[in-house]
Amino acid sequence: MTPELCRWADCILLDVMMPGEDGVALCRRSPGLTGAPILFLTAKDSEADVLKGLAAGGDDYLRKPFGVAELRARVNAHLRRQQRGPG
């Protein structure tokens, strides 16, 4: 993540298994760049994977498959708590 991206982001969605650098590593590399909530979206579903993502700085962890309505509800809940968007 670049500082430019993080300045305007209201919410960041990361896939744990992105090509190149995985989402957890990217999240670890970017502390302090954003106050935006970070949500992991992934097919990795073990408890250890969830704990790894949250320990890296993630605010939520959605296991695939999930519905768009659930994703929207979780994003809105995080934005509402941070007073960034839909309430």
PDB file of N, CA and C in Angstrom:
ATOM      1  N   MET A   1       0.844  -1.169   0.000  1.00  0.00           N
ATOM      2  CA  MET A   1       0.000   0.000   0.000  1.00  0.00           C
ATOM      3  C   MET A   1       0.887   1.229   0.000  1.00  0.00           C
ATOM      4  N   THR A   2       0.496   2.191  -0.765  1.00  0.00           N
ATOM      5  CA  THR A   2       1.257   3.429  -0.793  1.00  0.00           C
ATOM      6  C   THR A   2       0.570   4.461   0.088  1.00  0.00           C
ATOM      7  N   PRO A   3       1.335   5.424   0.611  1.00  0.00           N
ATOM      8  CA  PRO A   3       0.708   6.476   1.427  1.00  0.00           C
ATOM      9  C   PRO A   3      -0.383   7.217   0.676  1.00  0.00           C
ATOM     10  N   GLU A   4      -0.231   7.384  -0.650  1.00  0.00           N
ATOM     11  CA  GLU A   4      -1.241   8.078  -1.440  1.00  0.00           C
ATOM     12  C   GLU A   4      -2.562   7.321  -1.423  1.00  0.00           C
ATOM     13  N   LEU A   5      -2.501   5.995  -1.568  1.00  0.00           N
ATOM     14  CA  LEU A   5      -3.701   5.169  -1.537  1.00  0.00           C
ATOM     15  C   LEU A   5      -4.374   5.267  -0.177  1.00  0.00           C
ATOM     16  N   CYS A   6      -3.588   5.199   0.850  1.00  0.00           N
ATOM     17  CA  CYS A   6      -4.139   5.142   2.207  1.00  0.00           C
ATOM     18  C   CYS A   6      -4.768   6.448   2.646  1.00  0.00           C
ATOM     19  N   ARG A   7      -4.350   7.565   2.086  1.00  0.00           N
ATOM     20  CA  ARG A   7      -4.915   8.854   2.493  1.00  0.00           C
ATOM     21  C   ARG A   7      -6.385   8.975   2.138  1.00  0.00           C
ATOM     22  N   TRP A   8      -6.800   8.437   1.007  1.00  0.00           N
ATOM     23  CA  TRP A   8      -8.187   8.622   0.584  1.00  0.00           C
ATOM     24  C   TRP A   8      -9.061   7.413   0.862  1.00  0.00           C
ATOM     25  N   ALA A   9      -8.476   6.305   1.262  1.00  0.00           N
ATOM     26  CA  ALA A   9      -9.261   5.086   1.467  1.00  0.00           C
ATOM     27  C   ALA A   9     -10.129   5.185   2.719  1.00  0.00           C
ATOM     28  N   ASP A  10     -11.394   4.807   2.582  1.00  0.00           N
ATOM     29  CA  ASP A  10     -12.288   4.716   3.735  1.00  0.00           C
ATOM     30  C   ASP A  10     -12.262   3.315   4.320  1.00  0.00           C
ATOM     31  N   CYS A  11     -11.940   2.342   3.485  1.00  0.00           N
ATOM     32  CA  CYS A  11     -11.907   0.938   3.903  1.00  0.00           C
ATOM     33  C   CYS A  11     -10.982   0.212   2.930  1.00  0.00           C
ATOM     34  N   ILE A  12     -10.212  -0.733   3.439  1.00  0.00           N
ATOM     35  CA  ILE A  12      -9.285  -1.473   2.589  1.00  0.00           C
ATOM     36  C   ILE A  12      -9.656  -2.951   2.644  1.00  0.00           C
ATOM     37  N   LEU A  13      -9.860  -3.559   1.474  1.00  0.00           N
ATOM     38  CA  LEU A  13     -10.153  -4.980   1.355  1.00  0.00           C
ATOM     39  C   LEU A  13      -8.917  -5.672   0.804  1.00  0.00           C
ATOM     40  N   LEU A  14      -8.437  -6.687   1.499  1.00  0.00           N
ATOM     41  CA  LEU A  14      -7.254  -7.419   1.059  1.00  0.00           C
ATOM     42  C   LEU A  14      -7.573  -8.900   0.976  1.00  0.00           C
ATOM     43  N   ASP A  15      -7.101  -9.529  -0.079  1.00  0.00           N
ATOM     44  CA  ASP A  15      -7.184 -10.976  -0.172  1.00  0.00           C
ATOM     45  C   ASP A  15      -5.905 -11.527   0.439  1.00  0.00           C
ATOM     46  N   VAL A  16      -6.023 -12.529   1.275  1.00  0.00           N
ATOM     47  CA  VAL A  16      -4.840 -13.108   1.900  1.00  0.00           C
ATOM     48  C   VAL A  16      -3.925 -13.714   0.841  1.00  0.00           C
ATOM     49  N   MET A  17      -4.489 -14.298  -0.202  1.00  0.00           N
ATOM     50  CA  MET A  17      -3.681 -14.986  -1.212  1.00  0.00           C
ATOM     51  C   MET A  17      -3.562 -14.168  -2.506  1.00  0.00           C
ATOM     52  N   MET A  18      -3.160 -12.906  -2.387  1.00  0.00           N
ATOM     53  CA  MET A  18      -2.957 -12.080  -3.580  1.00  0.00           C
ATOM     54  C   MET A  18      -1.682 -12.548  -4.289  1.00  0.00           C
ATOM     55  N   PRO A  19      -1.618 -12.367  -5.606  1.00  0.00           N
ATOM     56  CA  PRO A  19      -0.376 -12.713  -6.303  1.00  0.00           C
ATOM     57  C   PRO A  19       0.739 -11.763  -5.880  1.00  0.00           C
ATOM     58  N   GLY A  20       1.926 -12.265  -5.828  1.00  0.00           N
ATOM     59  CA  GLY A  20       3.048 -11.432  -5.390  1.00  0.00           C
ATOM     60  C   GLY A  20       3.099 -11.399  -3.877  1.00  0.00           C
ATOM     61  N   GLU A  21       2.756 -10.278  -3.304  1.00  0.00           N
ATOM     62  CA  GLU A  21       2.760 -10.131  -1.854  1.00  0.00           C
ATOM     63  C   GLU A  21       1.383 -10.464  -1.298  1.00  0.00           C
ATOM     64  N   ASP A  22       1.332 -11.324  -0.290  1.00  0.00           N
ATOM     65  CA  ASP A  22       0.025 -11.672   0.249  1.00  0.00           C
ATOM     66  C   ASP A  22      -0.525 -10.538   1.110  1.00  0.00           C
ATOM     67  N   GLY A  23      -1.831 -10.555   1.324  1.00  0.00           N
ATOM     68  CA  GLY A  23      -2.504  -9.478   2.034  1.00  0.00           C
ATOM     69  C   GLY A  23      -2.031  -9.293   3.459  1.00  0.00           C
ATOM     70  N   VAL A  24      -1.691 -10.387   4.140  1.00  0.00           N
ATOM     71  CA  VAL A  24      -1.224 -10.289   5.521  1.00  0.00           C
ATOM     72  C   VAL A  24       0.114  -9.554   5.564  1.00  0.00           C
ATOM     73  N   ALA A  25       1.030  -9.891   4.666  1.00  0.00           N
ATOM     74  CA  ALA A  25       2.326  -9.213   4.613  1.00  0.00           C
ATOM     75  C   ALA A  25       2.150  -7.735   4.284  1.00  0.00           C
ATOM     76  N   LEU A  26       1.265  -7.441   3.364  1.00  0.00           N
ATOM     77  CA  LEU A  26       0.998  -6.051   2.996  1.00  0.00           C
ATOM     78  C   LEU A  26       0.435  -5.279   4.187  1.00  0.00           C
ATOM     79  N   CYS A  27      -0.454  -5.895   4.923  1.00  0.00           N
ATOM     80  CA  CYS A  27      -1.042  -5.257   6.100  1.00  0.00           C
ATOM     81  C   CYS A  27       0.040  -4.990   7.151  1.00  0.00           C
ATOM     82  N   ARG A  28       0.914  -5.953   7.371  1.00  0.00           N
ATOM     83  CA  ARG A  28       2.011  -5.789   8.343  1.00  0.00           C
ATOM     84  C   ARG A  28       2.957  -4.662   7.949  1.00  0.00           C
ATOM     85  N   ARG A  29       3.125  -4.489   6.651  1.00  0.00           N
ATOM     86  CA  ARG A  29       4.066  -3.510   6.125  1.00  0.00           C
ATOM     87  C   ARG A  29       3.530  -2.082   6.188  1.00  0.00           C
ATOM     88  N   SER A  30       2.244  -1.920   6.484  1.00  0.00           N
ATOM     89  CA  SER A  30       1.634  -0.605   6.354  1.00  0.00           C
ATOM     90  C   SER A  30       1.072  -0.013   7.651  1.00  0.00           C
ATOM     91  N   PRO A  31       1.650  -0.307   8.799  1.00  0.00           N
ATOM     92  CA  PRO A  31       1.082   0.286  10.015  1.00  0.00           C
ATOM     93  C   PRO A  31       1.255   1.804  10.015  1.00  0.00           C
ATOM     94  N   GLY A  32       0.269   2.478  10.490  1.00  0.00           N
ATOM     95  CA  GLY A  32       0.352   3.929  10.579  1.00  0.00           C
ATOM     96  C   GLY A  32       0.046   4.674   9.297  1.00  0.00           C
ATOM     97  N   LEU A  33      -0.145   3.962   8.185  1.00  0.00           N
ATOM     98  CA  LEU A  33      -0.419   4.649   6.922  1.00  0.00           C
ATOM     99  C   LEU A  33      -1.881   5.031   6.781  1.00  0.00           C
ATOM    100  N   THR A  34      -2.742   4.369   7.526  1.00  0.00           N
ATOM    101  CA  THR A  34      -4.170   4.634   7.387  1.00  0.00           C
ATOM    102  C   THR A  34      -4.889   4.364   8.695  1.00  0.00           C
ATOM    103  N   GLY A  35      -5.968   5.070   8.883  1.00  0.00           N
ATOM    104  CA  GLY A  35      -6.854   4.782   9.993  1.00  0.00           C
ATOM    105  C   GLY A  35      -8.055   3.990   9.512  1.00  0.00           C
ATOM    106  N   ALA A  36      -8.064   3.687   8.218  1.00  0.00           N
ATOM    107  CA  ALA A  36      -9.185   2.963   7.612  1.00  0.00           C
ATOM    108  C   ALA A  36      -9.194   1.514   8.081  1.00  0.00           C
ATOM    109  N   PRO A  37     -10.384   0.946   8.266  1.00  0.00           N
ATOM    110  CA  PRO A  37     -10.452  -0.466   8.627  1.00  0.00           C
ATOM    111  C   PRO A  37      -9.928  -1.341   7.491  1.00  0.00           C
ATOM    112  N   ILE A  38      -9.285  -2.430   7.861  1.00  0.00           N
ATOM    113  CA  ILE A  38      -8.749  -3.388   6.899  1.00  0.00           C
ATOM    114  C   ILE A  38      -9.500  -4.695   7.075  1.00  0.00           C
ATOM    115  N   LEU A  39     -10.132  -5.160   5.992  1.00  0.00           N
ATOM    116  CA  LEU A  39     -10.885  -6.412   6.010  1.00  0.00           C
ATOM    117  C   LEU A  39     -10.202  -7.409   5.092  1.00  0.00           C
ATOM    118  N   PHE A  40      -9.944  -8.588   5.622  1.00  0.00           N
ATOM    119  CA  PHE A  40      -9.384  -9.668   4.816  1.00  0.00           C
ATOM    120  C   PHE A  40     -10.514 -10.494   4.231  1.00  0.00           C
ATOM    121  N   LEU A  41     -10.392 -10.836   2.954  1.00  0.00           N
ATOM    122  CA  LEU A  41     -11.325 -11.706   2.250  1.00  0.00           C
ATOM    123  C   LEU A  41     -10.503 -12.900   1.783  1.00  0.00           C
ATOM    124  N   THR A  42     -10.883 -14.109   2.177  1.00  0.00           N
ATOM    125  CA  THR A  42     -10.011 -15.222   1.858  1.00  0.00           C
ATOM    126  C   THR A  42     -10.692 -16.573   1.913  1.00  0.00           C
ATOM    127  N   ALA A  43     -10.113 -17.521   1.213  1.00  0.00           N
ATOM    128  CA  ALA A  43     -10.558 -18.909   1.287  1.00  0.00           C
ATOM    129  C   ALA A  43      -9.836 -19.640   2.412  1.00  0.00           C
ATOM    130  N   LYS A  44      -8.806 -19.027   2.980  1.00  0.00           N
ATOM    131  CA  LYS A  44      -8.100 -19.646   4.111  1.00  0.00           C
ATOM    132  C   LYS A  44      -8.985 -19.510   5.342  1.00  0.00           C
ATOM    133  N   ASP A  45      -9.370 -20.658   5.902  1.00  0.00           N
ATOM    134  CA  ASP A  45     -10.400 -20.574   6.924  1.00  0.00           C
ATOM    135  C   ASP A  45     -10.050 -21.202   8.272  1.00  0.00           C
ATOM    136  N   SER A  46      -8.806 -21.542   8.480  1.00  0.00           N
ATOM    137  CA  SER A  46      -8.465 -22.112   9.783  1.00  0.00           C
ATOM    138  C   SER A  46      -8.416 -21.007  10.838  1.00  0.00           C
ATOM    139  N   GLU A  47      -8.597 -21.398  12.077  1.00  0.00           N
ATOM    140  CA  GLU A  47      -8.529 -20.422  13.166  1.00  0.00           C
ATOM    141  C   GLU A  47      -7.158 -19.745  13.193  1.00  0.00           C
ATOM    142  N   ALA A  48      -6.108 -20.503  12.910  1.00  0.00           N
ATOM    143  CA  ALA A  48      -4.750 -19.933  12.882  1.00  0.00           C
ATOM    144  C   ALA A  48      -4.630 -18.844  11.817  1.00  0.00           C
ATOM    145  N   ASP A  49      -5.251 -19.059  10.653  1.00  0.00           N
ATOM    146  CA  ASP A  49      -5.225 -18.058   9.586  1.00  0.00           C
ATOM    147  C   ASP A  49      -5.952 -16.788  10.012  1.00  0.00           C
ATOM    148  N   VAL A  50      -7.107 -16.954  10.656  1.00  0.00           N
ATOM    149  CA  VAL A  50      -7.884 -15.801  11.130  1.00  0.00           C
ATOM    150  C   VAL A  50      -7.056 -15.018  12.140  1.00  0.00           C
ATOM    151  N   LEU A  51      -6.472 -15.714  13.100  1.00  0.00           N
ATOM    152  CA  LEU A  51      -5.672 -15.045  14.132  1.00  0.00           C
ATOM    153  C   LEU A  51      -4.459 -14.338  13.539  1.00  0.00           C
ATOM    154  N   LYS A  52      -3.841 -14.939  12.532  1.00  0.00           N
ATOM    155  CA  LYS A  52      -2.694 -14.330  11.857  1.00  0.00           C
ATOM    156  C   LYS A  52      -3.104 -13.017  11.183  1.00  0.00           C
ATOM    157  N   GLY A  53      -4.252 -13.027  10.508  1.00  0.00           N
ATOM    158  CA  GLY A  53      -4.728 -11.825   9.830  1.00  0.00           C
ATOM    159  C   GLY A  53      -5.076 -10.712  10.809  1.00  0.00           C
ATOM    160  N   LEU A  54      -5.744 -11.073  11.899  1.00  0.00           N
ATOM    161  CA  LEU A  54      -6.112 -10.062  12.893  1.00  0.00           C
ATOM    162  C   LEU A  54      -4.882  -9.539  13.625  1.00  0.00           C
ATOM    163  N   ALA A  55      -3.916 -10.416  13.906  1.00  0.00           N
ATOM    164  CA  ALA A  55      -2.681  -9.993  14.577  1.00  0.00           C
ATOM    165  C   ALA A  55      -1.846  -9.080  13.689  1.00  0.00           C
ATOM    166  N   ALA A  56      -1.994  -9.217  12.368  1.00  0.00           N
ATOM    167  CA  ALA A  56      -1.240  -8.380  11.428  1.00  0.00           C
ATOM    168  C   ALA A  56      -1.799  -6.965  11.339  1.00  0.00           C
ATOM    169  N   GLY A  57      -2.982  -6.750  11.937  1.00  0.00           N
ATOM    170  CA  GLY A  57      -3.579  -5.423  11.898  1.00  0.00           C
ATOM    171  C   GLY A  57      -4.928  -5.366  11.225  1.00  0.00           C
ATOM    172  N   GLY A  58      -5.424  -6.511  10.783  1.00  0.00           N
ATOM    173  CA  GLY A  58      -6.739  -6.544  10.163  1.00  0.00           C
ATOM    174  C   GLY A  58      -7.840  -6.302  11.185  1.00  0.00           C
ATOM    175  N   ASP A  59      -8.922  -5.691  10.727  1.00  0.00           N
ATOM    176  CA  ASP A  59     -10.056  -5.401  11.594  1.00  0.00           C
ATOM    177  C   ASP A  59     -11.156  -6.447  11.480  1.00  0.00           C
ATOM    178  N   ASP A  60     -11.147  -7.207  10.391  1.00  0.00           N
ATOM    179  CA  ASP A  60     -12.165  -8.227  10.184  1.00  0.00           C
ATOM    180  C   ASP A  60     -11.601  -9.248   9.215  1.00  0.00           C
ATOM    181  N   TYR A  61     -12.223 -10.421   9.176  1.00  0.00           N
ATOM    182  CA  TYR A  61     -11.735 -11.537   8.366  1.00  0.00           C
ATOM    183  C   TYR A  61     -12.954 -12.286   7.851  1.00  0.00           C
ATOM    184  N   LEU A  62     -13.211 -12.207   6.564  1.00  0.00           N
ATOM    185  CA  LEU A  62     -14.356 -12.885   5.952  1.00  0.00           C
ATOM    186  C   LEU A  62     -13.871 -14.092   5.182  1.00  0.00           C
ATOM    187  N   ARG A  63     -14.412 -15.252   5.539  1.00  0.00           N
ATOM    188  CA  ARG A  63     -14.048 -16.492   4.867  1.00  0.00           C
ATOM    189  C   ARG A  63     -14.941 -16.697   3.648  1.00  0.00           C
ATOM    190  N   LYS A  64     -14.322 -17.057   2.530  1.00  0.00           N
ATOM    191  CA  LYS A  64     -15.075 -17.374   1.319  1.00  0.00           C
ATOM    192  C   LYS A  64     -15.671 -18.758   1.452  1.00  0.00           C
ATOM    193  N   PRO A  65     -16.839 -19.002   0.905  1.00  0.00           N
ATOM    194  CA  PRO A  65     -17.673 -18.044   0.191  1.00  0.00           C
ATOM    195  C   PRO A  65     -18.495 -17.206   1.172  1.00  0.00           C
ATOM    196  N   PHE A  66     -18.729 -15.978   0.780  1.00  0.00           N
ATOM    197  CA  PHE A  66     -19.603 -15.090   1.553  1.00  0.00           C
ATOM    198  C   PHE A  66     -20.466 -14.341   0.562  1.00  0.00           C
ATOM    199  N   GLY A  67     -21.581 -13.852   1.018  1.00  0.00           N
ATOM    200  CA  GLY A  67     -22.486 -13.111   0.147  1.00  0.00           C
ATOM    201  C   GLY A  67     -22.124 -11.638   0.096  1.00  0.00           C
ATOM    202  N   VAL A  68     -22.488 -11.000  -0.980  1.00  0.00           N
ATOM    203  CA  VAL A  68     -22.233  -9.572  -1.141  1.00  0.00           C
ATOM    204  C   VAL A  68     -22.941  -8.766  -0.054  1.00  0.00           C
ATOM    205  N   ALA A  69     -24.132  -9.204   0.328  1.00  0.00           N
ATOM    206  CA  ALA A  69     -24.872  -8.489   1.378  1.00  0.00           C
ATOM    207  C   ALA A  69     -24.112  -8.539   2.697  1.00  0.00           C
ATOM    208  N   GLU A  70     -23.496  -9.690   3.021  1.00  0.00           N
ATOM    209  CA  GLU A  70     -22.700  -9.784   4.252  1.00  0.00           C
ATOM    210  C   GLU A  70     -21.486  -8.876   4.178  1.00  0.00           C
ATOM    211  N   LEU A  71     -20.794  -8.875   3.049  1.00  0.00           N
ATOM    212  CA  LEU A  71     -19.638  -7.993   2.893  1.00  0.00           C
ATOM    213  C   LEU A  71     -20.063  -6.536   3.060  1.00  0.00           C
ATOM    214  N   ARG A  72     -21.124  -6.149   2.394  1.00  0.00           N
ATOM    215  CA  ARG A  72     -21.627  -4.772   2.487  1.00  0.00           C
ATOM    216  C   ARG A  72     -21.967  -4.421   3.937  1.00  0.00           C
ATOM    217  N   ALA A  73     -22.626  -5.322   4.651  1.00  0.00           N
ATOM    218  CA  ALA A  73     -23.007  -5.071   6.044  1.00  0.00           C
ATOM    219  C   ALA A  73     -21.782  -4.905   6.936  1.00  0.00           C
ATOM    220  N   ARG A  74     -20.777  -5.740   6.736  1.00  0.00           N
ATOM    221  CA  ARG A  74     -19.563  -5.629   7.551  1.00  0.00           C
ATOM    222  C   ARG A  74     -18.805  -4.338   7.259  1.00  0.00           C
ATOM    223  N   VAL A  75     -18.670  -3.992   5.976  1.00  0.00           N
ATOM    224  CA  VAL A  75     -18.008  -2.739   5.618  1.00  0.00           C
ATOM    225  C   VAL A  75     -18.768  -1.566   6.220  1.00  0.00           C
ATOM    226  N   ASN A  76     -20.089  -1.553   6.074  1.00  0.00           N
ATOM    227  CA  ASN A  76     -20.889  -0.462   6.636  1.00  0.00           C
ATOM    228  C   ASN A  76     -20.742  -0.372   8.152  1.00  0.00           C
ATOM    229  N   ALA A  77     -20.679  -1.514   8.829  1.00  0.00           N
ATOM    230  CA  ALA A  77     -20.512  -1.513  10.285  1.00  0.00           C
ATOM    231  C   ALA A  77     -19.175  -0.882  10.676  1.00  0.00           C
ATOM    232  N   HIS A  78     -18.114  -1.230   9.960  1.00  0.00           N
ATOM    233  CA  HIS A  78     -16.801  -0.641  10.255  1.00  0.00           C
ATOM    234  C   HIS A  78     -16.795   0.854   9.972  1.00  0.00           C
ATOM    235  N   LEU A  79     -17.387   1.256   8.862  1.00  0.00           N
ATOM    236  CA  LEU A  79     -17.443   2.682   8.516  1.00  0.00           C
ATOM    237  C   LEU A  79     -18.272   3.454   9.527  1.00  0.00           C
ATOM    238  N   ARG A  80     -19.371   2.864   9.957  1.00  0.00           N
ATOM    239  CA  ARG A  80     -20.227   3.506  10.953  1.00  0.00           C
ATOM    240  C   ARG A  80     -19.459   3.726  12.257  1.00  0.00           C
ATOM    241  N   ARG A  81     -18.724   2.708  12.698  1.00  0.00           N
ATOM    242  CA  ARG A  81     -17.948   2.832  13.933  1.00  0.00           C
ATOM    243  C   ARG A  81     -16.883   3.916  13.820  1.00  0.00           C
ATOM    244  N   GLN A  82     -16.369   4.103  12.619  1.00  0.00           N
ATOM    245  CA  GLN A  82     -15.329   5.112  12.413  1.00  0.00           C
ATOM    246  C   GLN A  82     -15.915   6.421  11.899  1.00  0.00           C
ATOM    247  N   GLN A  83     -17.219   6.481  11.774  1.00  0.00           N
ATOM    248  CA  GLN A  83     -17.915   7.660  11.261  1.00  0.00           C
ATOM    249  C   GLN A  83     -17.361   8.109   9.921  1.00  0.00           C
ATOM    250  N   ARG A  84     -17.146   7.131   9.024  1.00  0.00           N
ATOM    251  CA  ARG A  84     -16.591   7.415   7.708  1.00  0.00           C
ATOM    252  C   ARG A  84     -17.631   7.334   6.606  1.00  0.00           C
ATOM    253  N   GLY A  85     -18.746   6.679   6.844  1.00  0.00           N
ATOM    254  CA  GLY A  85     -19.664   6.505   5.734  1.00  0.00           C
ATOM    255  C   GLY A  85     -21.035   6.057   6.166  1.00  0.00           C
ATOM    256  N   PRO A  86     -21.664   5.191   5.356  1.00  0.00           N
ATOM    257  CA  PRO A  86     -23.053   4.791   5.555  1.00  0.00           C
ATOM    258  C   PRO A  86     -23.358   4.423   7.001  1.00  0.00           C
ATOM    259  N   GLY A  87     -24.472   4.935   7.491  1.00  0.00           N
ATOM    260  CA  GLY A  87     -24.853   4.653   8.866  1.00  0.00           C
ATOM    261  C   GLY A  87     -26.205   4.237   8.942  1.00  0.00           C
TER     262      GLY A  87
END
